[in-house]
Amino acid sequence: RRLQEVIRLQTQVSYQHNLKDIGKAFKVLIEGDSKRSEQDFKGRNAQNKMVVFPKVEGLKPGDYCYVKIKEATSATLKGEVVEGLN
């Protein structure tokens, strides 16, 4: 029961922190395809947060790009590419 409460609180804290990233752009290292959709890439920003965004022609795993965050969950940021840096 205590562990469940700690996990619940941590999820809330993580969600609140991630909400603050909405509207910001982050440099993201593309890791590969998203687990949920082959139309999306997943990558990580400098804070090691998972970022999911639609694929853009010319970008591939190992490339960096800037992603503007549009949505957030407790574990993931979701956005759109604003600039590729390959």
PDB file of N, CA and C in Angstrom:
ATOM      1  N   ARG A   1       0.822  -1.191   0.000  1.00  0.00           N
ATOM      2  CA  ARG A   1       0.000   0.000   0.000  1.00  0.00           C
ATOM      3  C   ARG A   1       0.865   1.253   0.000  1.00  0.00           C
ATOM      4  N   ARG A   2       1.900   1.293   0.804  1.00  0.00           N
ATOM      5  CA  ARG A   2       2.785   2.470   0.818  1.00  0.00           C
ATOM      6  C   ARG A   2       3.472   2.652  -0.525  1.00  0.00           C
ATOM      7  N   LEU A   3       3.932   1.551  -1.090  1.00  0.00           N
ATOM      8  CA  LEU A   3       4.597   1.629  -2.391  1.00  0.00           C
ATOM      9  C   LEU A   3       3.645   2.194  -3.446  1.00  0.00           C
ATOM     10  N   GLN A   4       2.400   1.746  -3.435  1.00  0.00           N
ATOM     11  CA  GLN A   4       1.418   2.266  -4.390  1.00  0.00           C
ATOM     12  C   GLN A   4       1.236   3.771  -4.221  1.00  0.00           C
ATOM     13  N   GLU A   5       1.221   4.237  -3.002  1.00  0.00           N
ATOM     14  CA  GLU A   5       1.061   5.674  -2.737  1.00  0.00           C
ATOM     15  C   GLU A   5       2.278   6.454  -3.232  1.00  0.00           C
ATOM     16  N   VAL A   6       3.471   5.930  -2.995  1.00  0.00           N
ATOM     17  CA  VAL A   6       4.695   6.589  -3.471  1.00  0.00           C
ATOM     18  C   VAL A   6       4.700   6.644  -5.002  1.00  0.00           C
ATOM     19  N   ILE A   7       4.330   5.548  -5.642  1.00  0.00           N
ATOM     20  CA  ILE A   7       4.280   5.517  -7.108  1.00  0.00           C
ATOM     21  C   ILE A   7       3.254   6.523  -7.620  1.00  0.00           C
ATOM     22  N   ARG A   8       2.092   6.583  -6.986  1.00  0.00           N
ATOM     23  CA  ARG A   8       1.052   7.534  -7.397  1.00  0.00           C
ATOM     24  C   ARG A   8       1.554   8.965  -7.277  1.00  0.00           C
ATOM     25  N   LEU A   9       2.199   9.287  -6.171  1.00  0.00           N
ATOM     26  CA  LEU A   9       2.732  10.637  -5.969  1.00  0.00           C
ATOM     27  C   LEU A   9       3.829  10.955  -6.979  1.00  0.00           C
ATOM     28  N   GLN A  10       4.712  10.001  -7.245  1.00  0.00           N
ATOM     29  CA  GLN A  10       5.783  10.230  -8.215  1.00  0.00           C
ATOM     30  C   GLN A  10       5.217  10.460  -9.611  1.00  0.00           C
ATOM     31  N   THR A  11       4.182   9.724  -9.962  1.00  0.00           N
ATOM     32  CA  THR A  11       3.539   9.909 -11.263  1.00  0.00           C
ATOM     33  C   THR A  11       2.959  11.315 -11.371  1.00  0.00           C
ATOM     34  N   GLN A  12       2.328  11.792 -10.305  1.00  0.00           N
ATOM     35  CA  GLN A  12       1.770  13.153 -10.298  1.00  0.00           C
ATOM     36  C   GLN A  12       2.869  14.201 -10.435  1.00  0.00           C
ATOM     37  N   VAL A  13       3.951  14.031  -9.693  1.00  0.00           N
ATOM     38  CA  VAL A  13       5.068  14.984  -9.744  1.00  0.00           C
ATOM     39  C   VAL A  13       5.680  14.999 -11.141  1.00  0.00           C
ATOM     40  N   SER A  14       5.904  13.826 -11.713  1.00  0.00           N
ATOM     41  CA  SER A  14       6.476  13.741 -13.060  1.00  0.00           C
ATOM     42  C   SER A  14       5.564  14.415 -14.077  1.00  0.00           C
ATOM     43  N   TYR A  15       4.263  14.193 -13.967  1.00  0.00           N
ATOM     44  CA  TYR A  15       3.307  14.811 -14.886  1.00  0.00           C
ATOM     45  C   TYR A  15       3.360  16.334 -14.772  1.00  0.00           C
ATOM     46  N   GLN A  16       3.394  16.856 -13.555  1.00  0.00           N
ATOM     47  CA  GLN A  16       3.456  18.309 -13.356  1.00  0.00           C
ATOM     48  C   GLN A  16       4.739  18.890 -13.945  1.00  0.00           C
ATOM     49  N   HIS A  17       5.856  18.209 -13.769  1.00  0.00           N
ATOM     50  CA  HIS A  17       7.126  18.676 -14.345  1.00  0.00           C
ATOM     51  C   HIS A  17       7.062  18.660 -15.874  1.00  0.00           C
ATOM     52  N   ASN A  18       6.504  17.596 -16.435  1.00  0.00           N
ATOM     53  CA  ASN A  18       6.426  17.489 -17.889  1.00  0.00           C
ATOM     54  C   ASN A  18       5.468  18.512 -18.493  1.00  0.00           C
ATOM     55  N   LEU A  19       4.411  18.869 -17.771  1.00  0.00           N
ATOM     56  CA  LEU A  19       3.489  19.900 -18.266  1.00  0.00           C
ATOM     57  C   LEU A  19       4.216  21.221 -18.496  1.00  0.00           C
ATOM     58  N   LYS A  20       5.223  21.506 -17.687  1.00  0.00           N
ATOM     59  CA  LYS A  20       5.984  22.755 -17.820  1.00  0.00           C
ATOM     60  C   LYS A  20       6.781  22.805 -19.120  1.00  0.00           C
ATOM     61  N   ASP A  21       6.998  21.656 -19.760  1.00  0.00           N
ATOM     62  CA  ASP A  21       7.768  21.607 -21.006  1.00  0.00           C
ATOM     63  C   ASP A  21       6.918  21.883 -22.244  1.00  0.00           C
ATOM     64  N   ILE A  22       5.591  21.907 -22.097  1.00  0.00           N
ATOM     65  CA  ILE A  22       4.721  22.171 -23.246  1.00  0.00           C
ATOM     66  C   ILE A  22       5.012  23.573 -23.778  1.00  0.00           C
ATOM     67  N   GLY A  23       5.192  23.666 -25.095  1.00  0.00           N
ATOM     68  CA  GLY A  23       5.500  24.936 -25.749  1.00  0.00           C
ATOM     69  C   GLY A  23       6.981  25.183 -25.930  1.00  0.00           C
ATOM     70  N   LYS A  24       7.815  24.392 -25.268  1.00  0.00           N
ATOM     71  CA  LYS A  24       9.268  24.545 -25.392  1.00  0.00           C
ATOM     72  C   LYS A  24       9.795  23.630 -26.496  1.00  0.00           C
ATOM     73  N   ALA A  25      10.947  24.003 -27.060  1.00  0.00           N
ATOM     74  CA  ALA A  25      11.609  23.167 -28.066  1.00  0.00           C
ATOM     75  C   ALA A  25      12.876  22.581 -27.454  1.00  0.00           C
ATOM     76  N   PHE A  26      13.108  21.297 -27.713  1.00  0.00           N
ATOM     77  CA  PHE A  26      14.266  20.599 -27.176  1.00  0.00           C
ATOM     78  C   PHE A  26      15.056  19.943 -28.296  1.00  0.00           C
ATOM     79  N   LYS A  27      16.372  19.920 -28.132  1.00  0.00           N
ATOM     80  CA  LYS A  27      17.228  19.142 -29.024  1.00  0.00           C
ATOM     81  C   LYS A  27      17.063  17.680 -28.623  1.00  0.00           C
ATOM     82  N   VAL A  28      16.739  16.832 -29.605  1.00  0.00           N
ATOM     83  CA  VAL A  28      16.417  15.430 -29.341  1.00  0.00           C
ATOM     84  C   VAL A  28      17.303  14.527 -30.196  1.00  0.00           C
ATOM     85  N   LEU A  29      17.867  13.500 -29.571  1.00  0.00           N
ATOM     86  CA  LEU A  29      18.596  12.458 -30.289  1.00  0.00           C
ATOM     87  C   LEU A  29      17.590  11.373 -30.668  1.00  0.00           C
ATOM     88  N   ILE A  30      17.426  11.132 -31.960  1.00  0.00           N
ATOM     89  CA  ILE A  30      16.466  10.132 -32.426  1.00  0.00           C
ATOM     90  C   ILE A  30      17.020   8.735 -32.152  1.00  0.00           C
ATOM     91  N   GLU A  31      16.247   7.924 -31.405  1.00  0.00           N
ATOM     92  CA  GLU A  31      16.663   6.560 -31.067  1.00  0.00           C
ATOM     93  C   GLU A  31      16.106   5.523 -32.031  1.00  0.00           C
ATOM     94  N   GLY A  32      14.908   5.757 -32.557  1.00  0.00           N
ATOM     95  CA  GLY A  32      14.296   4.780 -33.460  1.00  0.00           C
ATOM     96  C   GLY A  32      12.800   4.968 -33.528  1.00  0.00           C
ATOM     97  N   ASP A  33      12.104   3.916 -33.985  1.00  0.00           N
ATOM     98  CA  ASP A  33      10.654   3.972 -34.103  1.00  0.00           C
ATOM     99  C   ASP A  33       9.999   3.969 -32.725  1.00  0.00           C
ATOM    100  N   SER A  34       8.884   4.676 -32.627  1.00  0.00           N
ATOM    101  CA  SER A  34       8.072   4.657 -31.417  1.00  0.00           C
ATOM    102  C   SER A  34       7.500   3.256 -31.217  1.00  0.00           C
ATOM    103  N   LYS A  35       7.273   2.875 -29.965  1.00  0.00           N
ATOM    104  CA  LYS A  35       6.686   1.564 -29.674  1.00  0.00           C
ATOM    105  C   LYS A  35       5.249   1.471 -30.184  1.00  0.00           C
ATOM    106  N   ARG A  36       4.540   2.589 -30.181  1.00  0.00           N
ATOM    107  CA  ARG A  36       3.113   2.575 -30.504  1.00  0.00           C
ATOM    108  C   ARG A  36       2.793   2.788 -31.977  1.00  0.00           C
ATOM    109  N   SER A  37       3.702   3.413 -32.731  1.00  0.00           N
ATOM    110  CA  SER A  37       3.379   3.735 -34.121  1.00  0.00           C
ATOM    111  C   SER A  37       4.636   3.793 -34.983  1.00  0.00           C
ATOM    112  N   GLU A  38       4.587   3.155 -36.128  1.00  0.00           N
ATOM    113  CA  GLU A  38       5.713   3.214 -37.059  1.00  0.00           C
ATOM    114  C   GLU A  38       5.786   4.566 -37.762  1.00  0.00           C
ATOM    115  N   GLN A  39       4.749   5.392 -37.628  1.00  0.00           N
ATOM    116  CA  GLN A  39       4.761   6.733 -38.212  1.00  0.00           C
ATOM    117  C   GLN A  39       5.503   7.730 -37.320  1.00  0.00           C
ATOM    118  N   ASP A  40       5.853   7.301 -36.109  1.00  0.00           N
ATOM    119  CA  ASP A  40       6.505   8.191 -35.144  1.00  0.00           C
ATOM    120  C   ASP A  40       7.908   7.701 -34.805  1.00  0.00           C
ATOM    121  N   PHE A  41       8.769   8.672 -34.483  1.00  0.00           N
ATOM    122  CA  PHE A  41      10.078   8.387 -33.903  1.00  0.00           C
ATOM    123  C   PHE A  41       9.989   8.572 -32.395  1.00  0.00           C
ATOM    124  N   LYS A  42      10.916   7.939 -31.683  1.00  0.00           N
ATOM    125  CA  LYS A  42      11.125   8.237 -30.271  1.00  0.00           C
ATOM    126  C   LYS A  42      12.569   8.687 -30.126  1.00  0.00           C
ATOM    127  N   GLY A  43      12.814   9.521 -29.132  1.00  0.00           N
ATOM    128  CA  GLY A  43      14.163   9.983 -28.866  1.00  0.00           C
ATOM    129  C   GLY A  43      14.242  10.527 -27.455  1.00  0.00           C
ATOM    130  N   ARG A  44      15.404  11.048 -27.103  1.00  0.00           N
ATOM    131  CA  ARG A  44      15.589  11.598 -25.757  1.00  0.00           C
ATOM    132  C   ARG A  44      16.210  12.976 -25.852  1.00  0.00           C
ATOM    133  N   ASN A  45      15.787  13.831 -24.912  1.00  0.00           N
ATOM    134  CA  ASN A  45      16.383  15.167 -24.843  1.00  0.00           C
ATOM    135  C   ASN A  45      17.527  15.157 -23.831  1.00  0.00           C
ATOM    136  N   ALA A  46      18.118  16.312 -23.580  1.00  0.00           N
ATOM    137  CA  ALA A  46      19.278  16.399 -22.684  1.00  0.00           C
ATOM    138  C   ALA A  46      18.933  16.020 -21.245  1.00  0.00           C
ATOM    139  N   GLN A  47      17.656  16.112 -20.876  1.00  0.00           N
ATOM    140  CA  GLN A  47      17.224  15.715 -19.532  1.00  0.00           C
ATOM    141  C   GLN A  47      16.868  14.225 -19.478  1.00  0.00           C
ATOM    142  N   ASN A  48      17.143  13.504 -20.570  1.00  0.00           N
ATOM    143  CA  ASN A  48      16.866  12.068 -20.696  1.00  0.00           C
ATOM    144  C   ASN A  48      15.370  11.750 -20.688  1.00  0.00           C
ATOM    145  N   LYS A  49      14.536  12.730 -21.036  1.00  0.00           N
ATOM    146  CA  LYS A  49      13.099  12.491 -21.133  1.00  0.00           C
ATOM    147  C   LYS A  49      12.781  11.915 -22.505  1.00  0.00           C
ATOM    148  N   MET A  50      11.864  10.934 -22.524  1.00  0.00           N
ATOM    149  CA  MET A  50      11.426  10.332 -23.777  1.00  0.00           C
ATOM    150  C   MET A  50      10.557  11.334 -24.531  1.00  0.00           C
ATOM    151  N   VAL A  51      10.858  11.515 -25.828  1.00  0.00           N
ATOM    152  CA  VAL A  51      10.105  12.426 -26.688  1.00  0.00           C
ATOM    153  C   VAL A  51       9.632  11.634 -27.904  1.00  0.00           C
ATOM    154  N   VAL A  52       8.341  11.723 -28.208  1.00  0.00           N
ATOM    155  CA  VAL A  52       7.753  11.034 -29.357  1.00  0.00           C
ATOM    156  C   VAL A  52       7.247  12.094 -30.325  1.00  0.00           C
ATOM    157  N   PHE A  53       7.509  11.878 -31.635  1.00  0.00           N
ATOM    158  CA  PHE A  53       7.117  12.875 -32.636  1.00  0.00           C
ATOM    159  C   PHE A  53       6.987  12.211 -34.000  1.00  0.00           C
ATOM    160  N   PRO A  54       6.154  12.780 -34.892  1.00  0.00           N
ATOM    161  CA  PRO A  54       5.982  12.195 -36.224  1.00  0.00           C
ATOM    162  C   PRO A  54       7.287  12.201 -37.012  1.00  0.00           C
ATOM    163  N   LYS A  55       7.474  11.148 -37.800  1.00  0.00           N
ATOM    164  CA  LYS A  55       8.669  11.059 -38.641  1.00  0.00           C
ATOM    165  C   LYS A  55       8.676  12.174 -39.677  1.00  0.00           C
ATOM    166  N   VAL A  56       9.879  12.644 -39.995  1.00  0.00           N
ATOM    167  CA  VAL A  56      10.085  13.664 -41.020  1.00  0.00           C
ATOM    168  C   VAL A  56      11.094  13.100 -42.008  1.00  0.00           C
ATOM    169  N   GLU A  57      10.796  13.237 -43.295  1.00  0.00           N
ATOM    170  CA  GLU A  57      11.693  12.723 -44.326  1.00  0.00           C
ATOM    171  C   GLU A  57      13.076  13.339 -44.175  1.00  0.00           C
ATOM    172  N   GLY A  58      14.091  12.505 -44.308  1.00  0.00           N
ATOM    173  CA  GLY A  58      15.467  12.976 -44.212  1.00  0.00           C
ATOM    174  C   GLY A  58      16.084  12.771 -42.839  1.00  0.00           C
ATOM    175  N   LEU A  59      15.266  12.487 -41.836  1.00  0.00           N
ATOM    176  CA  LEU A  59      15.787  12.219 -40.489  1.00  0.00           C
ATOM    177  C   LEU A  59      15.790  10.717 -40.236  1.00  0.00           C
ATOM    178  N   LYS A  60      16.785  10.265 -39.450  1.00  0.00           N
ATOM    179  CA  LYS A  60      16.921   8.835 -39.163  1.00  0.00           C
ATOM    180  C   LYS A  60      17.496   8.664 -37.755  1.00  0.00           C
ATOM    181  N   PRO A  61      17.411   7.446 -37.189  1.00  0.00           N
ATOM    182  CA  PRO A  61      18.015   7.209 -35.875  1.00  0.00           C
ATOM    183  C   PRO A  61      19.486   7.617 -35.870  1.00  0.00           C
ATOM    184  N   GLY A  62      19.893   8.284 -34.801  1.00  0.00           N
ATOM    185  CA  GLY A  62      21.257   8.800 -34.680  1.00  0.00           C
ATOM    186  C   GLY A  62      21.351  10.277 -34.995  1.00  0.00           C
ATOM    187  N   ASP A  63      20.333  10.821 -35.692  1.00  0.00           N
ATOM    188  CA  ASP A  63      20.304  12.254 -35.993  1.00  0.00           C
ATOM    189  C   ASP A  63      19.757  13.029 -34.801  1.00  0.00           C
ATOM    190  N   TYR A  64      20.102  14.307 -34.760  1.00  0.00           N
ATOM    191  CA  TYR A  64      19.508  15.235 -33.801  1.00  0.00           C
ATOM    192  C   TYR A  64      18.497  16.102 -34.530  1.00  0.00           C
ATOM    193  N   CYS A  65      17.454  16.516 -33.815  1.00  0.00           N
ATOM    194  CA  CYS A  65      16.502  17.481 -34.352  1.00  0.00           C
ATOM    195  C   CYS A  65      15.923  18.263 -33.178  1.00  0.00           C
ATOM    196  N   TYR A  66      15.307  19.388 -33.483  1.00  0.00           N
ATOM    197  CA  TYR A  66      14.598  20.149 -32.461  1.00  0.00           C
ATOM    198  C   TYR A  66      13.125  19.788 -32.537  1.00  0.00           C
ATOM    199  N   VAL A  67      12.534  19.492 -31.385  1.00  0.00           N
ATOM    200  CA  VAL A  67      11.130  19.110 -31.305  1.00  0.00           C
ATOM    201  C   VAL A  67      10.422  20.075 -30.360  1.00  0.00           C
ATOM    202  N   LYS A  68       9.321  20.672 -30.845  1.00  0.00           N
ATOM    203  CA  LYS A  68       8.494  21.535 -29.995  1.00  0.00           C
ATOM    204  C   LYS A  68       7.427  20.667 -29.344  1.00  0.00           C
ATOM    205  N   ILE A  69       7.332  20.752 -28.024  1.00  0.00           N
ATOM    206  CA  ILE A  69       6.440  19.891 -27.250  1.00  0.00           C
ATOM    207  C   ILE A  69       5.014  20.431 -27.291  1.00  0.00           C
ATOM    208  N   LYS A  70       4.069  19.536 -27.619  1.00  0.00           N
ATOM    209  CA  LYS A  70       2.648  19.885 -27.715  1.00  0.00           C
ATOM    210  C   LYS A  70       1.815  19.233 -26.610  1.00  0.00           C
ATOM    211  N   GLU A  71       2.255  18.054 -26.140  1.00  0.00           N
ATOM    212  CA  GLU A  71       1.516  17.293 -25.130  1.00  0.00           C
ATOM    213  C   GLU A  71       2.496  16.649 -24.163  1.00  0.00           C
ATOM    214  N   ALA A  72       1.970  16.245 -23.003  1.00  0.00           N
ATOM    215  CA  ALA A  72       2.821  15.572 -22.019  1.00  0.00           C
ATOM    216  C   ALA A  72       2.017  14.544 -21.237  1.00  0.00           C
ATOM    217  N   THR A  73       2.701  13.456 -20.872  1.00  0.00           N
ATOM    218  CA  THR A  73       2.176  12.500 -19.900  1.00  0.00           C
ATOM    219  C   THR A  73       3.211  12.450 -18.775  1.00  0.00           C
ATOM    220  N   SER A  74       3.016  11.571 -17.815  1.00  0.00           N
ATOM    221  CA  SER A  74       3.984  11.484 -16.717  1.00  0.00           C
ATOM    222  C   SER A  74       5.316  10.910 -17.188  1.00  0.00           C
ATOM    223  N   ALA A  75       5.306  10.164 -18.305  1.00  0.00           N
ATOM    224  CA  ALA A  75       6.530   9.493 -18.751  1.00  0.00           C
ATOM    225  C   ALA A  75       7.055   9.978 -20.095  1.00  0.00           C
ATOM    226  N   THR A  76       6.223  10.679 -20.878  1.00  0.00           N
ATOM    227  CA  THR A  76       6.585  10.982 -22.259  1.00  0.00           C
ATOM    228  C   THR A  76       6.174  12.392 -22.652  1.00  0.00           C
ATOM    229  N   LEU A  77       7.017  13.023 -23.473  1.00  0.00           N
ATOM    230  CA  LEU A  77       6.675  14.291 -24.105  1.00  0.00           C
ATOM    231  C   LEU A  77       6.339  13.992 -25.561  1.00  0.00           C
ATOM    232  N   LYS A  78       5.327  14.677 -26.105  1.00  0.00           N
ATOM    233  CA  LYS A  78       4.931  14.473 -27.499  1.00  0.00           C
ATOM    234  C   LYS A  78       4.969  15.811 -28.214  1.00  0.00           C
ATOM    235  N   GLY A  79       5.533  15.816 -29.438  1.00  0.00           N
ATOM    236  CA  GLY A  79       5.641  17.077 -30.147  1.00  0.00           C
ATOM    237  C   GLY A  79       5.842  16.909 -31.628  1.00  0.00           C
ATOM    238  N   GLU A  80       6.354  17.989 -32.257  1.00  0.00           N
ATOM    239  CA  GLU A  80       6.581  18.019 -33.697  1.00  0.00           C
ATOM    240  C   GLU A  80       7.964  18.585 -33.973  1.00  0.00           C
ATOM    241  N   VAL A  81       8.603  18.068 -35.019  1.00  0.00           N
ATOM    242  CA  VAL A  81       9.926  18.558 -35.416  1.00  0.00           C
ATOM    243  C   VAL A  81       9.796  19.997 -35.905  1.00  0.00           C
ATOM    244  N   VAL A  82      10.658  20.874 -35.392  1.00  0.00           N
ATOM    245  CA  VAL A  82      10.697  22.252 -35.869  1.00  0.00           C
ATOM    246  C   VAL A  82      11.967  22.528 -36.657  1.00  0.00           C
ATOM    247  N   GLU A  83      12.989  21.675 -36.484  1.00  0.00           N
ATOM    248  CA  GLU A  83      14.232  21.853 -37.234  1.00  0.00           C
ATOM    249  C   GLU A  83      15.062  20.580 -37.154  1.00  0.00           C
ATOM    250  N   GLY A  84      15.526  20.115 -38.316  1.00  0.00           N
ATOM    251  CA  GLY A  84      16.418  18.961 -38.347  1.00  0.00           C
ATOM    252  C   GLY A  84      17.859  19.415 -38.270  1.00  0.00           C
ATOM    253  N   LEU A  85      18.718  18.589 -37.682  1.00  0.00           N
ATOM    254  CA  LEU A  85      20.128  18.956 -37.495  1.00  0.00           C
ATOM    255  C   LEU A  85      21.084  17.909 -38.039  1.00  0.00           C
ATOM    256  N   ASN A  86      20.631  17.023 -38.971  1.00  0.00           N
ATOM    257  CA  ASN A  86      21.523  15.956 -39.411  1.00  0.00           C
ATOM    258  C   ASN A  86      22.767  16.572 -39.971  1.00  0.00           C
TER     259      ASN A  86
END
